[in-house]
Protein backbone atom coordinates (compact mmCIF):
# COMPACT_ATOMS: atom_id res chain seq x y z
CA MET A 1 0.03 0.00 0.06
CA SER A 2 1.49 3.40 -0.94
CA ASP A 3 1.27 6.62 0.95
CA THR A 4 -1.05 8.27 -1.60
CA GLU A 5 -3.86 5.90 -1.27
CA PRO A 6 -6.44 6.60 1.46
CA LYS A 7 -6.30 4.26 4.40
CA PRO A 8 -9.41 2.22 5.08
CA GLY A 9 -11.73 3.72 7.67
CA VAL A 10 -10.07 7.12 7.51
CA GLY A 11 -11.93 9.78 5.59
CA TYR A 12 -12.42 13.45 5.03
CA GLU A 13 -15.29 15.76 4.55
CA GLN A 14 -16.69 15.69 0.98
CA THR A 15 -18.24 19.10 1.08
CA ASP A 16 -17.43 22.58 2.45
CA ALA A 17 -19.38 24.05 5.34
CA ASP A 18 -22.60 25.84 4.53
CA VAL A 19 -21.85 29.70 4.54
CA SER A 20 -25.50 30.74 5.21
CA THR A 21 -25.75 28.62 8.15
CA LEU A 22 -22.53 30.12 9.61
CA LEU A 23 -23.85 33.61 8.80
CA TRP A 24 -27.12 32.99 10.69
CA TRP A 25 -25.25 31.67 13.66
CA GLY A 26 -23.14 34.85 13.59
CA VAL A 27 -26.19 37.08 13.44
CA ILE A 28 -27.87 35.20 16.30
CA LEU A 29 -24.77 35.47 18.47
CA VAL A 30 -24.50 39.22 17.83
CA ALA A 31 -28.19 39.65 18.62
CA VAL A 32 -27.90 37.88 21.90
CA LEU A 33 -24.93 39.90 22.74
CA VAL A 34 -26.68 43.21 22.10
CA LEU A 35 -29.73 42.17 23.97
CA SER A 36 -27.56 41.07 26.98
CA VAL A 37 -25.85 44.49 26.99
CA LEU A 38 -29.06 46.28 26.78
CA GLY A 39 -30.68 44.20 29.51
CA THR A 40 -27.82 44.80 31.78
CA TRP A 41 -27.74 48.59 31.20
CA LEU A 42 -31.49 48.76 31.85
CA THR A 43 -31.18 46.76 35.03
CA PHE A 44 -28.47 49.06 36.36
CA ASP A 45 -30.41 52.20 35.55
CA LEU A 46 -33.42 50.74 37.33
CA LEU A 47 -31.29 49.91 40.44
CA ASP A 48 -29.67 53.25 40.45
CA ALA A 49 -33.08 55.09 40.27
CA ARG A 50 -34.43 52.85 43.12
CA ALA A 51 -31.30 53.66 45.28
CA ARG A 52 -31.55 57.45 44.70
CA ARG A 53 -35.14 57.37 45.63
CA PHE A 54 -34.38 55.38 48.82
CA ASP A 55 -31.63 57.71 49.69
CA ALA A 56 -33.90 60.76 49.28
CA GLU A 57 -36.65 59.15 51.51
CA HIS A 58 -34.09 58.19 54.26
CA PRO A 59 -31.56 61.06 54.61
CA SER A 60 -30.65 60.17 58.09
CA LEU A 61 -28.96 56.90 57.35
CA PRO A 62 -25.29 56.99 58.07
CA LEU A 63 -24.24 55.46 54.78
CA ALA A 64 -26.46 57.77 52.69
CA ALA A 65 -24.31 59.71 50.23
CA THR A 66 -23.64 63.37 51.07
CA ASP A 67 -21.67 65.55 48.75
CA ASN A 68 -20.53 68.14 51.15
CA GLN A 69 -19.06 65.83 53.90
CA ILE A 70 -15.27 66.14 54.35
CA PRO A 71 -13.73 62.70 54.73
CA PRO A 72 -11.68 61.79 57.74
CA GLU A 73 -7.90 61.98 58.03
CA PRO A 74 -5.69 60.93 56.30
CA ARG A 75 -7.00 62.57 53.00
CA LEU A 76 -5.53 62.27 49.63
CA GLN A 77 -2.95 64.82 48.67
CA ALA A 78 -4.47 67.60 46.66
CA HIS A 79 -1.21 69.18 45.53
CA GLU A 80 1.37 66.37 45.42
CA PRO A 81 4.12 68.11 43.39
CA GLU A 82 4.19 71.15 45.71
CA ASP A 83 4.06 68.88 48.79
CA LEU A 84 6.91 66.92 47.48
CA ARG A 85 8.96 70.09 46.66
CA SER A 86 8.41 71.47 50.23
CA VAL A 87 9.52 68.19 51.89
CA ARG A 88 12.58 68.11 49.70
CA GLN A 89 13.38 71.75 50.50
CA GLN A 90 13.04 70.98 54.25
CA GLU A 91 15.42 68.01 53.87
CA GLU A 92 17.92 69.95 51.91
CA GLU A 93 17.91 72.63 54.63
CA VAL A 94 18.55 70.00 57.28
CA LEU A 95 21.32 68.38 55.25
CA GLU A 96 23.09 71.64 54.23
CA GLY A 97 22.65 73.85 57.29
CA TYR A 98 23.80 74.20 60.78
CA GLY A 99 21.51 73.51 63.73
CA TRP A 100 21.13 72.02 67.18
CA VAL A 101 20.39 68.30 67.54
CA ASP A 102 20.47 68.34 71.36
CA GLN A 103 21.42 71.76 72.80
CA SER A 104 21.70 70.45 76.46
CA ARG A 105 24.36 67.86 75.37
CA GLY A 106 26.03 70.30 72.97
CA THR A 107 25.26 68.14 69.92
CA VAL A 108 25.07 70.12 66.64
CA ARG A 109 24.27 69.36 63.05
CA ILE A 110 26.65 70.46 60.33
CA PRO A 111 26.36 70.38 56.45
CA ILE A 112 27.56 67.19 54.79
CA GLU A 113 30.19 68.84 52.72
CA ARG A 114 31.75 70.34 55.89
CA ALA A 115 31.61 67.00 57.69
CA MET A 116 33.54 65.36 54.83
CA GLU A 117 36.16 68.11 54.98
CA LEU A 118 36.61 67.52 58.68
CA VAL A 119 36.93 63.81 58.22
CA VAL A 120 39.67 64.33 55.50
CA GLU A 121 41.52 66.82 57.79
CA GLU A 122 41.26 64.99 61.10
CA GLY A 123 40.51 61.35 60.07
CA LEU A 124 38.08 59.02 61.67
CA PRO A 125 38.34 58.25 65.40
CA THR A 126 39.96 54.92 66.12
CA ARG A 127 39.96 52.68 69.10
CA ALA A 128 42.92 52.25 71.29
CA GLN A 129 44.92 49.12 70.34
CA PRO A 130 44.74 46.38 72.95
CA ARG A 131 48.10 45.70 74.62
CA LYS A 132 49.62 42.35 73.90
CA ALA A 133 50.34 40.06 76.86
CA PRO A 134 54.11 39.58 77.50
């Protein structure tokens, strides 16, 4: 038996698919999809109207929506770029300025550049070397 001859019991379709049937199925699918979207939209409109009517009839409920109520702290930042700029400016003033850390102990804060210059001039403090036993 050669490779070109059909094997017994193995076949293939003798005709193409019917295009009109496929088109009808496509039209039905689109129609069902459109009806589902419309039904969902109408349902949500109905529920929204019902909720608004209930909120209007019962204004004293704690969960009723009020537009002029200020939310509790912490609130969202209204002007984030300006807030970030001011925080960075404060940090720069601390890093680049002089000031007291603890005045009663005599601890001060100096700029980073000056601190690096002092380390280069004086070096870092070291521990005393332990004496070796004789």
